[in-house]
Amino acid sequence: MRRRIISLTVLAAVVSTVLFALPLGIAATRYYHDDVTTELERAADTVALAVSHALDAGLPPEVPRHGDGDGDDADTEVGVYGPDGRLIAGHGPAIAGPIEQQAASATMDVVTGSEGDDLVLAVPVLSGSKVTGVVRSAMPSSTLTVRIALTWHAMALLAAGAIGASWLLARRFTKRLVRPLEELAAAAGRLGDGDFTVRSPRAGIPEIDQVGETLDATATRIGETLERERAFSAEASHQLRTPLTGLRLQLEAALETPAADPYAAIRAGIASADRLERTIEDLLALGRERRGQRAELNLGRLLDELRQTGEALLGPRGRSLRILREDPPPTHASAAAVRQVLGVLLDNAATHGRGTVTVLARDVGDALAIDVADEGPDLGETDPFATTPTGHGIGLRLARGLAEAEGGRLRLSRPDPPTFTLLLPAAPA
């Protein structure tokens, strides 16, 4: 990319220089042609004025010195010719050429052209309407060629300098332009390798910085999404322990009482396996679904399922479950989310609590409140939602996240006896 940008920059400089230099070179060439013609005409007119009186009187003319002997006039030679075409004074061919003869005819005031290797200009010297002589001024063509060549050489050097400067500037600015892109590509590569903490540097170029900011935002969103997915996976795996624990307790109880009806244990195990399957389906659904319009929650059916789960989980431990309803209002929420929240609270009461577990669904004005309480010890100032090294609190964090996703809240309403309350907004009347 660096080479391509430099090549394009130099090519643009070359094209611009050529487009500018060609008309300028042509104009310079025309200028030098006109300048030489003006020099020759000035020299011829000066001599013509000086010798006109002598030619008119028939006296030998004296050609005055022209110029200072160096510079442009040093290459100019001037000669005076008579009407018969012979050189009278000055320098030039002994016999006049066609240009001088044309000037002697007095049909033109100035006649220019080339004779051999010279640029020639001839003017007639008149006395009234009579031609008394012709003044010829000449300059070698090489003088004009040298002037034009020197000018073109200087222009070529300037063009080479301009192109070289363009090349140097292109290298400098290409380095400044390409380095942020290379760093941006490296950051994108690290992001593709799974490093979501990567951040692209700022280059001071708005367009590149905008791409870098977009890449940083993408890395942040991907990292946060992945972190949520990991947290959800950890919490979901913890949540699966509840039905597995119930199934294990039922199987252990069947083993400890070999005289009991094995079909009852099998049926209880199948029921626990069904609850485990439902838990897996709920977690998968909750991981995929997006927040939208919810249907009205069938609270009666949900509490019946909770009763079956609670009896299977608490029965083998010699504990009981009590479910009460005090005119609970309807609410719109995901049945899977509420089922998992209550399952977490029930598992928490069975694992860390004591005695009878009480579930109370009640009306608190503008919300449905579901309390899950047990007869365990006072929690005091303990934060039950904080994750401990033993893993306590993982399920409660999942339950609180699910409750908040449904627009509700989950909190510890009383530490003694431990009572957790799920609040869900009541459906409008």
Protein backbone atom coordinates (compact mmCIF):
# COMPACT_ATOMS: atom_id res chain seq x y z
CA MET A 1 0.00 0.00 0.00
CA ARG A 2 2.87 2.37 0.79
CA ARG A 3 4.41 1.84 -2.66
CA ARG A 4 1.07 2.32 -4.39
CA ILE A 5 0.36 5.61 -2.63
CA ILE A 6 3.87 6.92 -3.32
CA SER A 7 3.65 5.85 -6.98
CA LEU A 8 0.28 7.56 -7.44
CA THR A 9 1.54 10.73 -5.75
CA VAL A 10 4.67 10.88 -7.91
CA LEU A 11 2.62 10.13 -11.04
CA ALA A 12 0.26 12.98 -10.18
CA ALA A 13 3.26 15.28 -9.66
CA VAL A 14 4.76 14.22 -13.01
CA VAL A 15 1.49 14.78 -14.88
CA SER A 16 0.98 18.16 -13.20
CA THR A 17 4.54 19.22 -13.95
CA VAL A 18 4.33 18.17 -17.59
CA LEU A 19 0.98 19.88 -18.08
CA PHE A 20 2.43 23.05 -16.58
CA ALA A 21 5.91 22.88 -18.12
CA LEU A 22 4.97 22.19 -21.75
CA PRO A 23 2.93 25.39 -22.26
CA LEU A 24 5.54 27.32 -20.28
CA GLY A 25 8.36 25.91 -22.42
CA ILE A 26 6.52 26.74 -25.63
CA ALA A 27 5.85 30.24 -24.35
CA ALA A 28 9.53 30.64 -23.40
CA THR A 29 10.60 29.52 -26.88
CA ARG A 30 8.29 32.03 -28.53
CA TYR A 31 9.49 34.73 -26.15
CA TYR A 32 13.14 34.16 -27.09
CA HIS A 33 12.27 34.22 -30.80
CA ASP A 34 10.47 37.52 -30.37
CA ASP A 35 13.29 38.84 -28.15
CA VAL A 36 15.94 38.04 -30.77
CA THR A 37 13.83 39.66 -33.47
CA THR A 38 13.47 42.75 -31.28
CA GLU A 39 17.24 42.90 -30.71
CA LEU A 40 17.98 42.61 -34.42
CA GLU A 41 15.36 45.22 -35.29
CA ARG A 42 16.68 47.63 -32.63
CA ALA A 43 20.24 47.24 -33.92
CA ALA A 44 19.16 47.72 -37.56
CA ASP A 45 17.02 50.78 -36.80
CA THR A 46 19.82 52.36 -34.79
CA VAL A 47 22.29 51.97 -37.66
CA ALA A 48 19.69 53.00 -40.27
CA LEU A 49 19.11 56.29 -38.47
CA ALA A 50 22.84 56.87 -38.16
CA VAL A 51 23.73 56.26 -41.84
CA SER A 52 20.64 57.63 -43.56
CA HIS A 53 22.15 61.17 -43.99
CA ALA A 54 25.43 59.84 -45.42
CA LEU A 55 23.65 57.52 -47.84
CA ASP A 56 21.40 60.32 -48.99
CA ALA A 57 24.44 62.55 -49.63
CA GLY A 58 26.33 59.76 -51.39
CA LEU A 59 29.04 59.69 -48.75
CA PRO A 60 30.62 56.54 -47.29
CA PRO A 61 28.58 55.65 -44.17
CA GLU A 62 30.15 54.95 -40.82
CA VAL A 63 28.49 52.18 -38.84
CA PRO A 64 28.30 53.14 -35.15
CA ARG A 65 29.11 50.65 -32.42
CA HIS A 66 26.02 48.96 -31.01
CA GLY A 67 25.75 47.56 -27.48
CA ASP A 68 28.60 47.31 -25.02
CA GLY A 69 30.50 44.48 -26.64
CA ASP A 70 29.23 41.70 -24.37
CA GLY A 71 25.95 40.07 -23.55
CA ASP A 72 23.27 39.77 -26.20
CA ASP A 73 24.60 42.44 -28.56
CA ALA A 74 28.04 40.79 -28.75
CA ASP A 75 26.70 38.16 -31.18
CA THR A 76 24.93 40.66 -33.44
CA GLU A 77 26.64 41.88 -36.61
CA VAL A 78 25.34 44.81 -38.68
CA GLY A 79 26.14 45.67 -42.28
CA VAL A 80 25.07 48.45 -44.66
CA TYR A 81 24.38 47.59 -48.32
CA GLY A 82 23.93 49.88 -51.24
CA PRO A 83 21.01 49.76 -53.65
CA ASP A 84 23.10 47.54 -55.91
CA GLY A 85 23.43 44.89 -53.17
CA ARG A 86 27.10 45.40 -52.31
CA LEU A 87 28.38 45.68 -48.74
CA ILE A 88 29.32 49.30 -48.06
CA ALA A 89 30.13 49.26 -44.36
CA GLY A 90 29.89 47.01 -41.35
CA HIS A 91 29.97 43.24 -41.32
CA GLY A 92 28.16 40.76 -43.48
CA PRO A 93 28.34 38.96 -46.79
CA ALA A 94 29.93 40.91 -49.65
CA ILE A 95 26.82 40.49 -51.79
CA ALA A 96 23.33 40.94 -50.35
CA GLY A 97 21.16 37.90 -50.06
CA PRO A 98 17.46 37.49 -50.89
CA ILE A 99 16.35 39.02 -47.61
CA GLU A 100 18.34 42.21 -48.23
CA GLN A 101 17.13 42.29 -51.84
CA GLN A 102 13.54 42.02 -50.68
CA ALA A 103 14.11 44.88 -48.25
CA ALA A 104 15.70 46.95 -51.07
CA SER A 105 12.47 46.68 -53.04
CA ALA A 106 10.84 48.84 -50.31
CA THR A 107 7.73 46.66 -50.31
CA MET A 108 8.11 45.89 -46.56
CA ASP A 109 9.47 47.92 -43.65
CA VAL A 110 11.12 44.89 -42.00
CA VAL A 111 12.13 41.60 -43.57
CA THR A 112 13.20 38.63 -41.40
CA GLY A 113 14.39 35.14 -42.19
CA SER A 114 17.30 32.73 -42.08
CA GLU A 115 20.41 32.67 -44.18
CA GLY A 116 22.59 29.66 -43.55
CA ASP A 117 23.21 29.48 -39.81
CA ASP A 118 22.16 33.08 -39.14
CA LEU A 119 18.93 34.77 -38.20
CA VAL A 120 18.72 37.85 -40.41
CA LEU A 121 16.66 41.05 -40.29
CA ALA A 122 16.85 43.76 -42.98
CA VAL A 123 15.34 47.27 -43.06
CA PRO A 124 15.47 49.69 -46.01
CA VAL A 125 16.98 53.20 -45.67
CA LEU A 126 14.71 55.65 -47.49
CA SER A 127 15.09 59.18 -48.69
CA GLY A 128 11.60 60.16 -49.58
CA SER A 129 10.40 57.25 -51.69
CA LYS A 130 13.90 56.38 -52.87
CA VAL A 131 15.85 53.47 -51.32
CA THR A 132 19.34 54.70 -50.59
CA GLY A 133 20.52 51.52 -48.86
CA VAL A 134 19.68 48.48 -46.75
CA VAL A 135 20.77 47.77 -43.18
CA ARG A 136 21.25 44.09 -42.35
CA SER A 137 21.50 42.77 -38.76
CA ALA A 138 22.25 39.10 -38.13
CA MET A 139 22.76 36.74 -35.20
CA PRO A 140 23.88 33.09 -35.18
CA SER A 141 21.02 30.60 -34.72
CA SER A 142 23.11 28.84 -32.09
CA THR A 143 22.71 31.85 -29.78
CA LEU A 144 18.92 31.43 -29.80
CA THR A 145 19.28 27.67 -29.42
CA VAL A 146 21.54 28.07 -26.38
CA ARG A 147 19.10 30.47 -24.71
CA ILE A 148 16.19 28.12 -25.23
CA ALA A 149 18.23 25.09 -24.13
CA LEU A 150 19.37 26.81 -20.92
CA THR A 151 15.80 27.76 -20.10
CA TRP A 152 14.51 24.27 -20.76
CA HIS A 153 17.37 22.83 -18.71
CA ALA A 154 16.50 25.10 -15.77
CA MET A 155 12.84 24.13 -16.10
CA ALA A 156 13.80 20.45 -16.17
CA LEU A 157 15.86 20.86 -12.99
CA LEU A 158 12.96 22.64 -11.29
CA ALA A 159 10.57 19.89 -12.44
CA ALA A 160 12.93 17.20 -11.13
CA GLY A 161 13.17 19.07 -7.82
CA ALA A 162 9.39 19.35 -7.61
CA ILE A 163 8.94 15.65 -8.36
CA GLY A 164 11.65 14.75 -5.85
CA ALA A 165 9.99 16.92 -3.21
CA SER A 166 6.67 15.24 -4.01
CA TRP A 167 8.33 11.85 -3.55
CA LEU A 168 9.79 12.86 -0.18
CA LEU A 169 6.49 14.34 1.02
CA ALA A 170 4.62 11.27 -0.24
CA ARG A 171 6.94 9.01 1.77
CA ARG A 172 6.47 11.10 4.87
CA PHE A 173 2.71 11.44 4.68
CA THR A 174 2.27 7.84 3.50
CA LYS A 175 4.09 6.69 6.60
CA ARG A 176 1.78 8.79 8.73
CA LEU A 177 -1.27 7.53 6.85
CA VAL A 178 -0.38 3.86 6.53
CA ARG A 179 0.96 3.27 10.04
CA PRO A 180 -2.46 3.87 11.71
CA LEU A 181 -4.04 1.53 9.16
CA GLU A 182 -1.44 -1.14 9.91
CA GLU A 183 -2.02 -0.70 13.66
CA LEU A 184 -5.76 -0.84 13.01
CA ALA A 185 -5.33 -4.07 11.06
CA ALA A 186 -3.22 -5.51 13.89
CA ALA A 187 -5.91 -4.56 16.40
CA ALA A 188 -8.55 -6.20 14.21
CA GLY A 189 -6.39 -9.33 14.04
CA ARG A 190 -6.07 -9.45 17.82
CA LEU A 191 -9.81 -8.98 18.10
CA GLY A 192 -10.31 -11.88 15.70
CA ASP A 193 -7.99 -13.97 17.90
CA GLY A 194 -10.25 -13.37 20.89
CA ASP A 195 -8.54 -10.45 22.63
CA PHE A 196 -11.54 -8.23 23.36
CA THR A 197 -9.48 -5.83 25.46
CA VAL A 198 -7.64 -4.56 22.39
CA ARG A 199 -7.97 -0.85 21.66
CA SER A 200 -6.79 0.84 18.48
CA PRO A 201 -4.51 3.89 18.82
CA ARG A 202 -5.63 7.31 17.64
CA ALA A 203 -3.87 8.75 14.59
CA GLY A 204 -5.28 12.27 14.53
CA ILE A 205 -6.98 11.53 11.19
CA PRO A 206 -10.78 11.80 11.66
CA GLU A 207 -11.71 9.07 9.19
CA ILE A 208 -9.22 6.53 10.56
CA ASP A 209 -10.04 7.47 14.16
CA GLN A 210 -13.73 6.92 13.43
CA VAL A 211 -12.96 3.40 12.20
CA GLY A 212 -10.85 2.82 15.32
CA GLU A 213 -13.66 4.02 17.59
CA THR A 214 -16.11 1.73 15.83
CA LEU A 215 -13.70 -1.20 16.21
CA ASP A 216 -13.23 -0.39 19.91
CA ALA A 217 -17.00 -0.23 20.43
CA THR A 218 -17.37 -3.56 18.63
CA ALA A 219 -14.68 -5.15 20.81
CA THR A 220 -16.38 -3.80 23.93
CA ARG A 221 -19.79 -5.11 22.88
CA ILE A 222 -18.40 -8.52 21.93
CA GLY A 223 -16.48 -8.72 25.21
CA GLU A 224 -19.53 -7.77 27.25
CA THR A 225 -21.71 -10.23 25.33
CA LEU A 226 -19.19 -13.02 25.81
CA GLU A 227 -18.88 -12.18 29.50
CA ARG A 228 -22.65 -12.29 29.89
CA GLU A 229 -22.77 -15.60 28.05
CA ARG A 230 -20.08 -17.04 30.31
CA ALA A 231 -21.81 -15.77 33.41
CA PHE A 232 -25.12 -17.12 32.20
CA SER A 233 -23.54 -20.50 31.45
CA ALA A 234 -22.00 -20.68 34.93
CA GLU A 235 -25.25 -19.64 36.57
CA ALA A 236 -27.31 -21.96 34.38
CA SER A 237 -25.07 -24.93 35.22
CA HIS A 238 -25.59 -24.13 38.88
CA GLN A 239 -29.32 -23.93 38.29
CA LEU A 240 -29.35 -27.47 36.86
CA ARG A 241 -28.22 -28.82 40.21
CA THR A 242 -31.68 -28.32 41.75
CA PRO A 243 -33.54 -30.99 39.76
CA LEU A 244 -30.45 -33.22 39.79
CA THR A 245 -30.32 -32.97 43.58
CA GLY A 246 -34.01 -33.87 43.82
CA LEU A 247 -33.54 -36.85 41.54
CA ARG A 248 -30.52 -38.02 43.54
CA LEU A 249 -32.37 -37.72 46.84
CA GLN A 250 -35.28 -39.75 45.51
CA LEU A 251 -32.97 -42.49 44.25
CA GLU A 252 -31.06 -42.56 47.55
CA ALA A 253 -34.34 -42.76 49.48
CA ALA A 254 -35.43 -45.70 47.31
CA LEU A 255 -32.14 -47.48 47.99
CA GLU A 256 -32.46 -46.94 51.75
CA THR A 257 -35.98 -48.41 51.77
CA PRO A 258 -35.73 -51.58 49.66
CA ALA A 259 -39.12 -52.75 50.91
CA ALA A 260 -40.86 -49.73 49.35
CA ASP A 261 -42.67 -49.95 46.06
CA PRO A 262 -39.95 -49.57 43.37
CA TYR A 263 -42.51 -48.35 40.84
CA ALA A 264 -43.21 -45.32 43.00
CA ALA A 265 -39.49 -44.48 43.06
CA ILE A 266 -39.30 -44.96 39.29
CA ARG A 267 -42.31 -42.69 38.75
CA ALA A 268 -40.80 -40.07 41.06
CA GLY A 269 -37.49 -40.36 39.19
CA ILE A 270 -39.24 -39.90 35.84
CA ALA A 271 -41.04 -36.85 37.23
CA SER A 272 -37.70 -35.41 38.40
CA ALA A 273 -36.16 -36.14 34.98
CA ASP A 274 -39.08 -34.30 33.39
CA ARG A 275 -38.44 -31.32 35.64
CA LEU A 276 -34.75 -31.45 34.72
CA GLU A 277 -35.64 -31.46 31.04
CA ARG A 278 -37.99 -28.52 31.57
CA THR A 279 -35.26 -26.63 33.39
CA ILE A 280 -32.89 -27.17 30.47
CA GLU A 281 -35.53 -26.04 27.99
CA ASP A 282 -36.28 -22.95 30.10
CA LEU A 283 -32.62 -21.97 30.30
CA LEU A 284 -32.11 -22.44 26.57
CA ALA A 285 -35.24 -20.41 25.84
CA LEU A 286 -34.17 -17.65 28.20
CA GLY A 287 -30.73 -17.54 26.61
CA ARG A 288 -32.21 -17.10 23.14
CA GLU A 289 -35.31 -14.99 23.63
CA ARG A 290 -35.52 -11.21 23.32
CA ARG A 291 -37.60 -8.91 25.48
CA GLY A 292 -41.03 -8.40 23.94
CA GLN A 293 -44.72 -8.40 24.71
CA ARG A 294 -45.45 -11.06 27.37
CA ALA A 295 -48.58 -13.10 27.79
CA GLU A 296 -50.41 -13.18 31.13
CA LEU A 297 -48.69 -15.45 33.62
CA ASN A 298 -50.65 -18.56 34.62
CA LEU A 299 -49.80 -18.30 38.30
CA GLY A 300 -51.97 -21.26 39.42
CA ARG A 301 -50.26 -23.67 37.06
CA LEU A 302 -46.85 -22.31 38.00
CA LEU A 303 -47.51 -22.80 41.71
CA ASP A 304 -48.72 -26.36 41.10
CA GLU A 305 -45.45 -27.14 39.29
CA LEU A 306 -43.56 -25.52 42.15
CA ARG A 307 -45.43 -27.72 44.64
CA GLN A 308 -44.37 -30.89 42.81
CA THR A 309 -40.76 -29.70 42.65
CA GLY A 310 -40.76 -28.71 46.31
CA GLU A 311 -42.22 -32.00 47.51
CA ALA A 312 -39.61 -33.92 45.53
CA LEU A 313 -36.81 -31.72 46.87
CA LEU A 314 -37.93 -31.30 50.50
CA GLY A 315 -39.73 -34.61 51.14
CA PRO A 316 -36.59 -36.78 51.36
CA ARG A 317 -35.20 -34.29 53.90
CA GLY A 318 -38.25 -34.54 56.10
CA ARG A 319 -39.34 -31.00 55.34
CA SER A 320 -42.58 -29.67 53.92
CA LEU A 321 -43.73 -26.98 51.50
CA ARG A 322 -46.67 -24.68 52.06
CA ILE A 323 -48.12 -22.56 49.24
CA LEU A 324 -50.56 -19.71 50.01
CA ARG A 325 -52.42 -17.25 47.82
CA GLU A 326 -53.86 -13.92 48.98
CA ASP A 327 -55.74 -12.63 45.94
CA PRO A 328 -52.64 -12.12 43.73
CA PRO A 329 -53.14 -9.73 40.77
CA PRO A 330 -52.49 -10.84 37.18
CA THR A 331 -49.12 -10.01 35.62
CA HIS A 332 -47.44 -10.29 32.25
CA ALA A 333 -44.15 -12.17 32.47
CA SER A 334 -42.25 -15.09 31.00
CA ALA A 335 -43.35 -18.33 32.67
CA ALA A 336 -39.87 -19.82 32.11
CA ALA A 337 -38.18 -16.87 33.83
CA VAL A 338 -40.53 -16.87 36.84
CA ARG A 339 -40.29 -20.68 37.10
CA GLN A 340 -36.51 -20.47 37.25
CA VAL A 341 -36.54 -17.64 39.80
CA LEU A 342 -38.85 -19.56 42.12
CA GLY A 343 -36.82 -22.73 41.52
CA VAL A 344 -33.66 -20.90 42.66
CA LEU A 345 -35.40 -19.57 45.77
CA LEU A 346 -36.77 -23.01 46.59
CA ASP A 347 -33.37 -24.64 46.12
CA ASN A 348 -31.76 -21.94 48.27
CA ALA A 349 -34.32 -22.57 51.04
CA ALA A 350 -33.81 -26.35 50.80
CA THR A 351 -30.00 -26.10 50.82
CA HIS A 352 -29.34 -23.31 53.30
CA GLY A 353 -32.64 -23.07 55.22
CA ARG A 354 -34.52 -25.14 57.75
CA GLY A 355 -38.06 -26.26 58.54
CA THR A 356 -41.10 -25.56 56.46
CA VAL A 357 -40.76 -23.53 53.29
CA THR A 358 -43.62 -21.11 52.73
CA VAL A 359 -44.51 -19.62 49.36
CA LEU A 360 -46.97 -16.72 49.50
CA ALA A 361 -48.41 -14.98 46.41
CA ARG A 362 -50.01 -11.67 47.37
CA ASP A 363 -51.13 -8.31 46.10
CA VAL A 364 -49.02 -5.26 47.00
CA GLY A 365 -51.00 -2.66 45.08
CA ASP A 366 -49.33 -2.20 41.71
CA ALA A 367 -47.31 -5.40 41.77
CA LEU A 368 -47.50 -9.12 42.36
CA ALA A 369 -45.32 -10.23 45.27
CA ILE A 370 -44.23 -13.84 45.74
CA ASP A 371 -42.50 -14.50 49.07
CA VAL A 372 -40.35 -17.58 49.65
CA ALA A 373 -39.51 -18.01 53.34
CA ASP A 374 -38.07 -20.75 55.53
CA GLU A 375 -37.22 -21.19 59.20
CA GLY A 376 -33.46 -20.91 58.80
CA PRO A 377 -31.05 -18.76 60.84
CA ASP A 378 -30.93 -14.99 60.74
CA LEU A 379 -28.92 -13.76 57.72
CA GLY A 380 -28.03 -10.51 59.52
CA GLU A 381 -25.94 -8.17 57.37
CA THR A 382 -24.95 -10.91 54.92
CA ASP A 383 -25.49 -10.15 51.21
CA PRO A 384 -26.99 -13.39 49.88
CA PHE A 385 -26.53 -12.21 46.27
CA ALA A 386 -22.73 -11.94 46.59
CA THR A 387 -20.80 -14.85 45.16
CA THR A 388 -18.66 -16.63 47.75
CA PRO A 389 -15.69 -18.95 47.10
CA THR A 390 -17.99 -21.91 47.77
CA GLY A 391 -20.32 -20.83 45.01
CA HIS A 392 -23.17 -19.54 47.15
CA GLY A 393 -25.05 -16.73 45.52
CA ILE A 394 -24.59 -17.84 41.91
CA GLY A 395 -28.17 -19.03 41.60
CA LEU A 396 -29.51 -15.96 43.38
CA ARG A 397 -27.60 -13.70 40.98
CA LEU A 398 -29.15 -15.55 38.05
CA ALA A 399 -32.59 -15.24 39.63
CA ARG A 400 -32.14 -11.50 40.19
CA GLY A 401 -31.00 -11.02 36.59
CA LEU A 402 -34.03 -12.93 35.28
CA ALA A 403 -36.36 -10.87 37.49
CA GLU A 404 -34.91 -7.60 36.28
CA ALA A 405 -35.18 -8.77 32.68
CA GLU A 406 -38.93 -9.16 33.28
CA GLY A 407 -39.18 -5.64 34.67
CA GLY A 408 -39.37 -6.86 38.27
CA ARG A 409 -37.14 -7.07 41.31
CA LEU A 410 -35.80 -9.75 43.62
CA ARG A 411 -34.69 -8.77 47.10
CA LEU A 412 -34.21 -10.05 50.59
CA SER A 413 -37.29 -8.57 52.28
CA ARG A 414 -36.51 -9.98 55.77
CA PRO A 415 -33.31 -11.51 57.12
CA ASP A 416 -35.08 -13.30 59.99
CA PRO A 417 -36.72 -15.53 59.12
CA PRO A 418 -35.01 -15.47 55.70
CA THR A 419 -37.60 -14.23 53.23
CA PHE A 420 -36.96 -13.48 49.57
CA THR A 421 -39.59 -11.52 47.64
CA LEU A 422 -40.12 -11.51 43.89
CA LEU A 423 -41.92 -8.39 42.67
CA LEU A 424 -43.53 -8.35 39.24
CA PRO A 425 -45.52 -5.37 37.85
CA ALA A 426 -49.26 -6.04 37.87
CA ALA A 427 -51.07 -6.10 34.55
CA PRO A 428 -53.18 -2.98 33.86
CA ALA A 429 -56.87 -3.38 34.65
